[in-house]
Amino acid sequence: MKRGELYRVFKPGGDTKQHRTFVVVSRQTLVDSKFPSLVCAAVMTEGQGLATQVAIGIDEGMKRECWIHCDDLRSMQKNILTQWVGSLSPGKMRKLDYALTVALDLPL
């Protein structure tokens, strides 16, 4: 498992969807550790083009254009991140990092 990978989760807690895709945003050190959970950002079918959203699509393994919502971060157990969908390119990772910086109000 790596930072920037997308996973489809069956019935994520508190979500109205049967399945939802999430992208791993935790630092790789945490991903590689024995710690049982990671921070992930939800992927939604709609976006408003906000600075906290990143457009993804077929190149990342999705069936159509979707949006990573960095204002919707969730702690997910590693053991439910089993249905690999795809991964982000280096360019999309830079956009994700910027969106997380904006969402968390961190200095640039």
Foldseek 3Di string as FASTA:
>chain_A
DAQFWKFKFACDPPDPDRIWIWGFHAHRVVVPDPPFKGKIFTKAQDDDPDLLKAWDAVVFQHPGIIIGHLLHIDIDTPVRRDGTRGGDDPVSVVSNVRSNCVNVVHDD
